[in-house]
């Protein structure tokens, strides 16, 4: 199928609009929910793999609801950076994004042991590795792992892998070092797999695939409407270009083509 410049203009414009309607996720780097004091953490609001530039708010365990840059963190235009965490940074964090609001619980401890567990929900069927980390003797890795207060098992490596997690694996997890004590608890959420999200077993799309498949990756009703709109506009455009007046003047056609190209270039600049 021939891809016209008009198609790319429409795709670019509609993708920009659709991105603004997609759910926004709060991404924590490094991806864990517990931190020692004086560590660095980055928080960014992202959609479709890119930063939205939206700000982050928090409701700390002690204090009042505030936005990044207001007495905590530093917003650099794309992310909120906490360069040196303190125990007072513990709390619930989220993106200022209106409808789609996902929260992340972050715990900062002044103790000696933390549990490194995913900050975001994990998908059913994936393996999840929990790590028990201590700051006093990092080479001493032996740790006990707990779920909902009950001992699961002891690992000499300081790591415990849960294969193919399921809903039954949801709960409060913690770990304990035999000499340095126990970590805080963190809740692990397990979600059902979504067909709109890639999985570990999924294969990347072929480079020879039609560009019409691109808007189909947009989820929900918005993606369907966008795809149908593009198909209808392309059909109308191709049908109109097939209608040629008999005996068309080649000089006039060349001038008209040049004018249309200039209009397309101006349209692209306007969208960008």
C-alpha atoms as a PDB file:
ATOM      1  CA  UNK A   1       0.000   0.000   0.000  1.00  0.00           C
ATOM      2  CA  UNK A   2       1.328   3.433  -0.950  1.00  0.00           C
ATOM      3  CA  UNK A   3       1.922   5.698   2.041  1.00  0.00           C
ATOM      4  CA  UNK A   4       1.237   9.330   1.210  1.00  0.00           C
ATOM      5  CA  UNK A   5       2.614  12.416   2.976  1.00  0.00           C
ATOM      6  CA  UNK A   6      -0.933  13.193   4.091  1.00  0.00           C
ATOM      7  CA  UNK A   7      -1.016   9.897   6.007  1.00  0.00           C
ATOM      8  CA  UNK A   8       2.075  10.791   7.994  1.00  0.00           C
ATOM      9  CA  UNK A   9       0.711  14.248   8.816  1.00  0.00           C
ATOM     10  CA  UNK A  10      -2.528  12.752  10.122  1.00  0.00           C
ATOM     11  CA  UNK A  11      -0.705  10.005  12.047  1.00  0.00           C
ATOM     12  CA  UNK A  12       1.627  12.478  13.739  1.00  0.00           C
ATOM     13  CA  UNK A  13      -1.172  14.810  14.729  1.00  0.00           C
ATOM     14  CA  UNK A  14      -3.529  12.109  16.023  1.00  0.00           C
ATOM     15  CA  UNK A  15      -0.722  10.360  17.931  1.00  0.00           C
ATOM     16  CA  UNK A  16       0.019  13.625  19.740  1.00  0.00           C
ATOM     17  CA  UNK A  17      -3.645  13.900  20.751  1.00  0.00           C
ATOM     18  CA  UNK A  18      -3.899  10.238  21.792  1.00  0.00           C
ATOM     19  CA  UNK A  19      -0.791  10.457  23.948  1.00  0.00           C
ATOM     20  CA  UNK A  20      -2.462  13.099  26.057  1.00  0.00           C
ATOM     21  CA  UNK A  21      -5.356  10.686  26.745  1.00  0.00           C
ATOM     22  CA  UNK A  22      -3.208   7.667  27.711  1.00  0.00           C
ATOM     23  CA  UNK A  23      -2.750   6.594  31.333  1.00  0.00           C
ATOM     24  CA  UNK A  24       0.207   8.164  33.082  1.00  0.00           C
ATOM     25  CA  UNK A  25       2.479   5.972  35.212  1.00  0.00           C
ATOM     26  CA  UNK A  26       4.835   7.039  37.965  1.00  0.00           C
ATOM     27  CA  UNK A  27       8.208   5.408  37.283  1.00  0.00           C
ATOM     28  CA  UNK A  28      10.680   4.988  40.151  1.00  0.00           C
ATOM     29  CA  UNK A  29      14.393   4.637  39.407  1.00  0.00           C
ATOM     30  CA  UNK A  30      15.869   2.478  40.804  1.00  0.00           C
ATOM     31  CA  UNK A  31      12.738   0.332  40.672  1.00  0.00           C
ATOM     32  CA  UNK A  32      12.220  -0.483  44.340  1.00  0.00           C
ATOM     33  CA  UNK A  33       9.998   0.675  47.146  1.00  0.00           C
ATOM     34  CA  UNK A  34      12.552   0.797  49.997  1.00  0.00           C
ATOM     35  CA  UNK A  35      15.626   2.987  50.381  1.00  0.00           C
ATOM     36  CA  UNK A  36      18.275   3.697  52.964  1.00  0.00           C
ATOM     37  CA  UNK A  37      18.783   7.270  54.073  1.00  0.00           C
ATOM     38  CA  UNK A  38      21.105   9.379  51.905  1.00  0.00           C
ATOM     39  CA  UNK A  39      20.362   7.458  48.679  1.00  0.00           C
ATOM     40  CA  UNK A  40      19.255   9.042  45.398  1.00  0.00           C
ATOM     41  CA  UNK A  41      15.910   8.337  43.727  1.00  0.00           C
ATOM     42  CA  UNK A  42      14.334   9.600  40.503  1.00  0.00           C
ATOM     43  CA  UNK A  43      10.558   9.873  39.980  1.00  0.00           C
ATOM     44  CA  UNK A  44       9.076  10.573  36.547  1.00  0.00           C
ATOM     45  CA  UNK A  45       5.585  10.583  35.052  1.00  0.00           C
ATOM     46  CA  UNK A  46       5.664   8.637  31.795  1.00  0.00           C
ATOM     47  CA  UNK A  47       3.298   7.599  29.016  1.00  0.00           C
ATOM     48  CA  UNK A  48       4.068   5.400  26.003  1.00  0.00           C
ATOM     49  CA  UNK A  49       7.709   5.186  27.125  1.00  0.00           C
ATOM     50  CA  UNK A  50       8.336   8.932  27.308  1.00  0.00           C
ATOM     51  CA  UNK A  51       8.266  11.526  30.040  1.00  0.00           C
ATOM     52  CA  UNK A  52       5.213  13.800  30.168  1.00  0.00           C
ATOM     53  CA  UNK A  53       6.922  16.486  32.216  1.00  0.00           C
ATOM     54  CA  UNK A  54       4.111  16.344  34.747  1.00  0.00           C
ATOM     55  CA  UNK A  55       4.963  17.017  38.352  1.00  0.00           C
ATOM     56  CA  UNK A  56       4.961  14.552  41.230  1.00  0.00           C
ATOM     57  CA  UNK A  57       3.042  14.993  44.474  1.00  0.00           C
ATOM     58  CA  UNK A  58       3.401  13.114  47.733  1.00  0.00           C
ATOM     59  CA  UNK A  59       1.553  12.574  50.971  1.00  0.00           C
ATOM     60  CA  UNK A  60       4.303  11.812  53.511  1.00  0.00           C
ATOM     61  CA  UNK A  61       3.773   9.746  56.637  1.00  0.00           C
ATOM     62  CA  UNK A  62       4.629  12.908  58.563  1.00  0.00           C
ATOM     63  CA  UNK A  63       3.776  16.319  57.168  1.00  0.00           C
ATOM     64  CA  UNK A  64       1.350  17.608  54.563  1.00  0.00           C
ATOM     65  CA  UNK A  65       0.641  16.964  50.865  1.00  0.00           C
ATOM     66  CA  UNK A  66       3.154  18.869  48.733  1.00  0.00           C
ATOM     67  CA  UNK A  67       4.508  18.955  45.180  1.00  0.00           C
ATOM     68  CA  UNK A  68       8.046  18.159  44.062  1.00  0.00           C
ATOM     69  CA  UNK A  69      10.228  21.247  44.501  1.00  0.00           C
ATOM     70  CA  UNK A  70       8.188  22.491  47.447  1.00  0.00           C
ATOM     71  CA  UNK A  71      10.626  21.811  50.311  1.00  0.00           C
ATOM     72  CA  UNK A  72      11.538  18.384  48.920  1.00  0.00           C
ATOM     73  CA  UNK A  73      13.067  17.090  45.695  1.00  0.00           C
ATOM     74  CA  UNK A  74      14.112  19.027  42.618  1.00  0.00           C
ATOM     75  CA  UNK A  75      12.145  19.039  39.361  1.00  0.00           C
ATOM     76  CA  UNK A  76      14.427  19.192  36.301  1.00  0.00           C
ATOM     77  CA  UNK A  77      11.683  19.466  33.682  1.00  0.00           C
ATOM     78  CA  UNK A  78      11.206  15.721  33.164  1.00  0.00           C
ATOM     79  CA  UNK A  79      11.869  14.049  36.540  1.00  0.00           C
ATOM     80  CA  UNK A  80      11.717  14.724  40.247  1.00  0.00           C
ATOM     81  CA  UNK A  81      15.096  14.002  41.849  1.00  0.00           C
ATOM     82  CA  UNK A  82      15.559  13.318  45.550  1.00  0.00           C
ATOM     83  CA  UNK A  83      19.342  13.447  45.828  1.00  0.00           C
ATOM     84  CA  UNK A  84      19.625  12.428  49.493  1.00  0.00           C
ATOM     85  CA  UNK A  85      16.678  10.545  50.959  1.00  0.00           C
ATOM     86  CA  UNK A  86      15.600  10.924  54.571  1.00  0.00           C
ATOM     87  CA  UNK A  87      13.153   8.967  56.688  1.00  0.00           C
ATOM     88  CA  UNK A  88      10.722  11.887  56.343  1.00  0.00           C
ATOM     89  CA  UNK A  89      10.560  11.129  52.588  1.00  0.00           C
ATOM     90  CA  UNK A  90       8.528   7.985  53.350  1.00  0.00           C
ATOM     91  CA  UNK A  91       4.987   8.221  51.991  1.00  0.00           C
ATOM     92  CA  UNK A  92       2.671   7.867  49.019  1.00  0.00           C
ATOM     93  CA  UNK A  93       3.709   9.406  45.685  1.00  0.00           C
ATOM     94  CA  UNK A  94       1.712   9.998  42.477  1.00  0.00           C
ATOM     95  CA  UNK A  95       1.617  12.014  39.256  1.00  0.00           C
ATOM     96  CA  UNK A  96      -0.433  15.181  38.902  1.00  0.00           C
ATOM     97  CA  UNK A  97      -2.365  13.728  35.971  1.00  0.00           C
ATOM     98  CA  UNK A  98      -6.076  14.094  36.639  1.00  0.00           C
ATOM     99  CA  UNK A  99      -8.071  10.953  35.822  1.00  0.00           C
ATOM    100  CA  UNK A 100      -5.376   8.277  35.718  1.00  0.00           C
ATOM    101  CA  UNK A 101      -3.772   8.299  39.143  1.00  0.00           C
ATOM    102  CA  UNK A 102      -1.488   5.459  40.174  1.00  0.00           C
ATOM    103  CA  UNK A 103       0.201   5.669  43.549  1.00  0.00           C
ATOM    104  CA  UNK A 104       3.540   4.311  44.722  1.00  0.00           C
ATOM    105  CA  UNK A 105       4.474   3.692  48.352  1.00  0.00           C
ATOM    106  CA  UNK A 106       8.080   4.540  49.188  1.00  0.00           C
ATOM    107  CA  UNK A 107       9.738   3.741  52.510  1.00  0.00           C
ATOM    108  CA  UNK A 108      13.016   5.328  53.633  1.00  0.00           C
ATOM    109  CA  UNK A 109      14.591   3.763  56.699  1.00  0.00           C
ATOM    110  CA  UNK A 110      17.406   4.727  59.008  1.00  0.00           C
ATOM    111  CA  UNK A 111      17.858   1.038  59.867  1.00  0.00           C
ATOM    112  CA  UNK A 112      20.429  -1.442  58.545  1.00  0.00           C
ATOM    113  CA  UNK A 113      18.276  -3.693  56.313  1.00  0.00           C
ATOM    114  CA  UNK A 114      15.929  -3.090  53.369  1.00  0.00           C
ATOM    115  CA  UNK A 115      13.982  -5.354  51.029  1.00  0.00           C
ATOM    116  CA  UNK A 116      14.446  -4.561  47.344  1.00  0.00           C
ATOM    117  CA  UNK A 117      11.038  -5.270  45.796  1.00  0.00           C
ATOM    118  CA  UNK A 118       9.355  -3.738  42.704  1.00  0.00           C
ATOM    119  CA  UNK A 119       7.809  -0.333  43.301  1.00  0.00           C
ATOM    120  CA  UNK A 120       5.207  -0.888  40.571  1.00  0.00           C
ATOM    121  CA  UNK A 121       2.700  -3.759  40.223  1.00  0.00           C
ATOM    122  CA  UNK A 122       4.079  -6.939  38.632  1.00  0.00           C
ATOM    123  CA  UNK A 123       2.313  -8.926  35.911  1.00  0.00           C
ATOM    124  CA  UNK A 124       1.022 -12.459  36.400  1.00  0.00           C
ATOM    125  CA  UNK A 125       3.279 -15.100  34.865  1.00  0.00           C
ATOM    126  CA  UNK A 126       6.532 -13.168  35.276  1.00  0.00           C
ATOM    127  CA  UNK A 127       9.348 -14.108  37.638  1.00  0.00           C
ATOM    128  CA  UNK A 128      10.009 -11.652  40.482  1.00  0.00           C
ATOM    129  CA  UNK A 129      13.240 -11.511  42.474  1.00  0.00           C
ATOM    130  CA  UNK A 130      13.309 -10.019  45.972  1.00  0.00           C
ATOM    131  CA  UNK A 131      16.665  -9.000  47.456  1.00  0.00           C
ATOM    132  CA  UNK A 132      17.573  -8.463  51.090  1.00  0.00           C
ATOM    133  CA  UNK A 133      20.216  -5.778  51.377  1.00  0.00           C
ATOM    134  CA  UNK A 134      22.163  -4.509  54.360  1.00  0.00           C
ATOM    135  CA  UNK A 135      24.466  -1.503  54.484  1.00  0.00           C
ATOM    136  CA  UNK A 136      26.706  -2.686  57.315  1.00  0.00           C
ATOM    137  CA  UNK A 137      28.183  -5.855  55.799  1.00  0.00           C
ATOM    138  CA  UNK A 138      27.152  -6.194  52.123  1.00  0.00           C
ATOM    139  CA  UNK A 139      29.126  -9.449  51.713  1.00  0.00           C
ATOM    140  CA  UNK A 140      27.030 -11.188  54.406  1.00  0.00           C
ATOM    141  CA  UNK A 141      23.990 -12.112  52.319  1.00  0.00           C
ATOM    142  CA  UNK A 142      22.123 -14.718  54.385  1.00  0.00           C
ATOM    143  CA  UNK A 143      18.526 -13.615  54.979  1.00  0.00           C
ATOM    144  CA  UNK A 144      15.085 -14.858  55.975  1.00  0.00           C
ATOM    145  CA  UNK A 145      12.161 -13.858  53.748  1.00  0.00           C
ATOM    146  CA  UNK A 146       8.654 -13.272  55.090  1.00  0.00           C
ATOM    147  CA  UNK A 147       5.201 -12.869  53.550  1.00  0.00           C
ATOM    148  CA  UNK A 148       2.384 -11.449  55.661  1.00  0.00           C
ATOM    149  CA  UNK A 149       4.497 -12.017  58.771  1.00  0.00           C
ATOM    150  CA  UNK A 150       5.169 -15.718  58.109  1.00  0.00           C
ATOM    151  CA  UNK A 151       8.601 -17.121  57.225  1.00  0.00           C
ATOM    152  CA  UNK A 152       8.820 -18.337  53.629  1.00  0.00           C
ATOM    153  CA  UNK A 153      12.402 -19.559  53.525  1.00  0.00           C
ATOM    154  CA  UNK A 154      16.031 -18.693  54.208  1.00  0.00           C
ATOM    155  CA  UNK A 155      18.405 -17.854  51.364  1.00  0.00           C
ATOM    156  CA  UNK A 156      22.208 -17.775  51.656  1.00  0.00           C
ATOM    157  CA  UNK A 157      22.402 -15.609  48.519  1.00  0.00           C
ATOM    158  CA  UNK A 158      20.179 -12.865  49.941  1.00  0.00           C
ATOM    159  CA  UNK A 159      17.797 -13.278  47.000  1.00  0.00           C
ATOM    160  CA  UNK A 160      14.453 -15.031  46.634  1.00  0.00           C
ATOM    161  CA  UNK A 161      12.819 -15.589  43.255  1.00  0.00           C
ATOM    162  CA  UNK A 162       9.077 -16.124  42.926  1.00  0.00           C
ATOM    163  CA  UNK A 163       8.517 -17.990  39.627  1.00  0.00           C
ATOM    164  CA  UNK A 164       5.476 -17.110  37.510  1.00  0.00           C
ATOM    165  CA  UNK A 165       3.782 -14.881  40.072  1.00  0.00           C
ATOM    166  CA  UNK A 166       0.019 -15.121  40.529  1.00  0.00           C
ATOM    167  CA  UNK A 167      -2.648 -13.265  42.485  1.00  0.00           C
ATOM    168  CA  UNK A 168      -1.950 -15.516  45.481  1.00  0.00           C
ATOM    169  CA  UNK A 169       1.551 -14.002  45.718  1.00  0.00           C
ATOM    170  CA  UNK A 170       0.173 -10.568  46.583  1.00  0.00           C
ATOM    171  CA  UNK A 171       0.973  -9.455  50.096  1.00  0.00           C
ATOM    172  CA  UNK A 172       3.334  -7.758  52.538  1.00  0.00           C
ATOM    173  CA  UNK A 173       6.954  -8.859  52.136  1.00  0.00           C
ATOM    174  CA  UNK A 174       9.977  -8.276  54.354  1.00  0.00           C
ATOM    175  CA  UNK A 175      13.329  -9.846  55.111  1.00  0.00           C
ATOM    176  CA  UNK A 176      15.547 -10.301  58.169  1.00  0.00           C
ATOM    177  CA  UNK A 177      19.285 -10.449  58.591  1.00  0.00           C
ATOM    178  CA  UNK A 178      20.323 -12.795  61.429  1.00  0.00           C
ATOM    179  CA  UNK A 179      22.430 -10.102  63.126  1.00  0.00           C
ATOM    180  CA  UNK A 180      21.294  -6.732  61.748  1.00  0.00           C
ATOM    181  CA  UNK A 181      17.554  -7.126  62.125  1.00  0.00           C
ATOM    182  CA  UNK A 182      14.492  -6.888  59.928  1.00  0.00           C
ATOM    183  CA  UNK A 183      13.537  -4.650  57.008  1.00  0.00           C
ATOM    184  CA  UNK A 184      10.308  -2.640  56.746  1.00  0.00           C
ATOM    185  CA  UNK A 185       7.364  -4.326  55.016  1.00  0.00           C
ATOM    186  CA  UNK A 186       6.374  -3.544  51.421  1.00  0.00           C
ATOM    187  CA  UNK A 187       3.187  -4.534  49.613  1.00  0.00           C
ATOM    188  CA  UNK A 188       3.590  -6.335  46.274  1.00  0.00           C
ATOM    189  CA  UNK A 189       0.680  -6.004  43.832  1.00  0.00           C
ATOM    190  CA  UNK A 190       0.082  -8.583  41.082  1.00  0.00           C
ATOM    191  CA  UNK A 191      -2.005  -7.603  38.041  1.00  0.00           C
ATOM    192  CA  UNK A 192      -3.557  -9.681  35.279  1.00  0.00           C
ATOM    193  CA  UNK A 193      -1.708  -9.617  31.934  1.00  0.00           C
ATOM    194  CA  UNK A 194      -3.007  -7.115  29.404  1.00  0.00           C
ATOM    195  CA  UNK A 195      -3.113  -7.800  25.661  1.00  0.00           C
ATOM    196  CA  UNK A 196      -2.077  -4.196  25.025  1.00  0.00           C
ATOM    197  CA  UNK A 197       1.209  -4.658  26.904  1.00  0.00           C
ATOM    198  CA  UNK A 198       4.187  -6.601  25.519  1.00  0.00           C
ATOM    199  CA  UNK A 199       5.269  -9.728  27.398  1.00  0.00           C
ATOM    200  CA  UNK A 200       8.627 -11.446  27.672  1.00  0.00           C
ATOM    201  CA  UNK A 201       7.530 -14.028  25.109  1.00  0.00           C
ATOM    202  CA  UNK A 202       6.240 -11.513  22.590  1.00  0.00           C
ATOM    203  CA  UNK A 203       8.205 -10.945  19.414  1.00  0.00           C
ATOM    204  CA  UNK A 204       8.888  -7.470  18.005  1.00  0.00           C
ATOM    205  CA  UNK A 205       6.828  -6.426  14.976  1.00  0.00           C
ATOM    206  CA  UNK A 206       8.356  -6.994  11.575  1.00  0.00           C
ATOM    207  CA  UNK A 207       9.998  -3.987   9.951  1.00  0.00           C
ATOM    208  CA  UNK A 208       8.039  -4.788   6.792  1.00  0.00           C
ATOM    209  CA  UNK A 209       4.678  -4.397   8.516  1.00  0.00           C
ATOM    210  CA  UNK A 210       2.283  -1.813   7.168  1.00  0.00           C
ATOM    211  CA  UNK A 211       2.419   1.581   8.934  1.00  0.00           C
ATOM    212  CA  UNK A 212      -1.330   1.232   9.435  1.00  0.00           C
ATOM    213  CA  UNK A 213      -0.552  -1.109  12.339  1.00  0.00           C
ATOM    214  CA  UNK A 214       1.076   1.695  14.334  1.00  0.00           C
ATOM    215  CA  UNK A 215      -2.070   3.410  15.612  1.00  0.00           C
ATOM    216  CA  UNK A 216      -3.550   0.017  16.545  1.00  0.00           C
ATOM    217  CA  UNK A 217      -1.116  -0.143  19.449  1.00  0.00           C
ATOM    218  CA  UNK A 218      -3.092   2.603  21.165  1.00  0.00           C
ATOM    219  CA  UNK A 219      -5.338   0.999  23.756  1.00  0.00           C
ATOM    220  CA  UNK A 220      -9.064   1.210  24.277  1.00  0.00           C
ATOM    221  CA  UNK A 221     -11.770   3.009  22.351  1.00  0.00           C
ATOM    222  CA  UNK A 222      -9.460   5.910  21.464  1.00  0.00           C
ATOM    223  CA  UNK A 223      -7.185   3.574  19.483  1.00  0.00           C
ATOM    224  CA  UNK A 224     -10.127   2.132  17.523  1.00  0.00           C
ATOM    225  CA  UNK A 225     -11.522   5.561  16.655  1.00  0.00           C
ATOM    226  CA  UNK A 226      -8.104   6.785  15.549  1.00  0.00           C
ATOM    227  CA  UNK A 227      -7.527   3.737  13.330  1.00  0.00           C
ATOM    228  CA  UNK A 228     -10.932   4.028  11.652  1.00  0.00           C
ATOM    229  CA  UNK A 229     -10.466   7.761  11.107  1.00  0.00           C
ATOM    230  CA  UNK A 230      -7.109   7.261   9.400  1.00  0.00           C
ATOM    231  CA  UNK A 231      -8.499   4.473   7.182  1.00  0.00           C
ATOM    232  CA  UNK A 232     -11.457   6.657   6.111  1.00  0.00           C
ATOM    233  CA  UNK A 233      -9.276   9.685   5.347  1.00  0.00           C
ATOM    234  CA  UNK A 234      -6.779   7.621   3.373  1.00  0.00           C
ATOM    235  CA  UNK A 235      -9.596   6.030   1.363  1.00  0.00           C
ATOM    236  CA  UNK A 236     -11.064   9.439   0.506  1.00  0.00           C
ATOM    237  CA  UNK A 237      -7.650  10.839  -0.376  1.00  0.00           C
ATOM    238  CA  UNK A 238      -6.729   7.931  -2.681  1.00  0.00           C
ATOM    239  CA  UNK A 239     -10.138   8.003  -4.348  1.00  0.00           C
ATOM    240  CA  UNK A 240      -9.817  11.730  -5.062  1.00  0.00           C
ATOM    241  CA  UNK A 241      -6.300  11.421  -6.496  1.00  0.00           C
ATOM    242  CA  UNK A 242      -7.469   8.746  -8.964  1.00  0.00           C
ATOM    243  CA  UNK A 243      -9.892  11.202 -10.584  1.00  0.00           C
ATOM    244  CA  UNK A 244      -7.972  13.026 -13.323  1.00  0.00           C
ATOM    245  CA  UNK A 245      -9.369  15.519 -15.761  1.00  0.00           C
ATOM    246  CA  UNK A 246      -8.960  14.408 -19.450  1.00  0.00           C
ATOM    247  CA  UNK A 247      -6.163  16.151 -21.284  1.00  0.00           C
ATOM    248  CA  UNK A 248      -4.623  17.654 -18.187  1.00  0.00           C
ATOM    249  CA  UNK A 249      -1.940  20.229 -18.932  1.00  0.00           C
ATOM    250  CA  UNK A 250       1.449  18.766 -17.764  1.00  0.00           C
ATOM    251  CA  UNK A 251       2.790  22.257 -16.903  1.00  0.00           C
ATOM    252  CA  UNK A 252      -0.259  23.016 -14.738  1.00  0.00           C
ATOM    253  CA  UNK A 253       0.089  19.608 -13.044  1.00  0.00           C
ATOM    254  CA  UNK A 254       3.744  20.292 -12.173  1.00  0.00           C
ATOM    255  CA  UNK A 255       2.871  23.690 -10.664  1.00  0.00           C
ATOM    256  CA  UNK A 256       0.003  22.136  -8.690  1.00  0.00           C
ATOM    257  CA  UNK A 257       2.255  19.354  -7.352  1.00  0.00           C
ATOM    258  CA  UNK A 258       4.851  21.921  -6.258  1.00  0.00           C
ATOM    259  CA  UNK A 259       2.174  23.945  -4.456  1.00  0.00           C
ATOM    260  CA  UNK A 260       0.809  20.857  -2.668  1.00  0.00           C
ATOM    261  CA  UNK A 261       4.311  19.890  -1.524  1.00  0.00           C
ATOM    262  CA  UNK A 262       4.816  23.347  -0.049  1.00  0.00           C
ATOM    263  CA  UNK A 263       1.476  23.131   1.776  1.00  0.00           C
ATOM    264  CA  UNK A 264       2.414  19.711   3.222  1.00  0.00           C
ATOM    265  CA  UNK A 265       5.753  21.034   4.461  1.00  0.00           C
ATOM    266  CA  UNK A 266       4.002  23.984   6.099  1.00  0.00           C
ATOM    267  CA  UNK A 267       1.502  21.584   7.731  1.00  0.00           C
ATOM    268  CA  UNK A 268       4.297  19.443   9.174  1.00  0.00           C
ATOM    269  CA  UNK A 269       5.985  22.542  10.651  1.00  0.00           C
ATOM    270  CA  UNK A 270       2.667  23.607  12.176  1.00  0.00           C
ATOM    271  CA  UNK A 271       2.113  20.206  13.858  1.00  0.00           C
ATOM    272  CA  UNK A 272       5.675  19.969  15.160  1.00  0.00           C
END
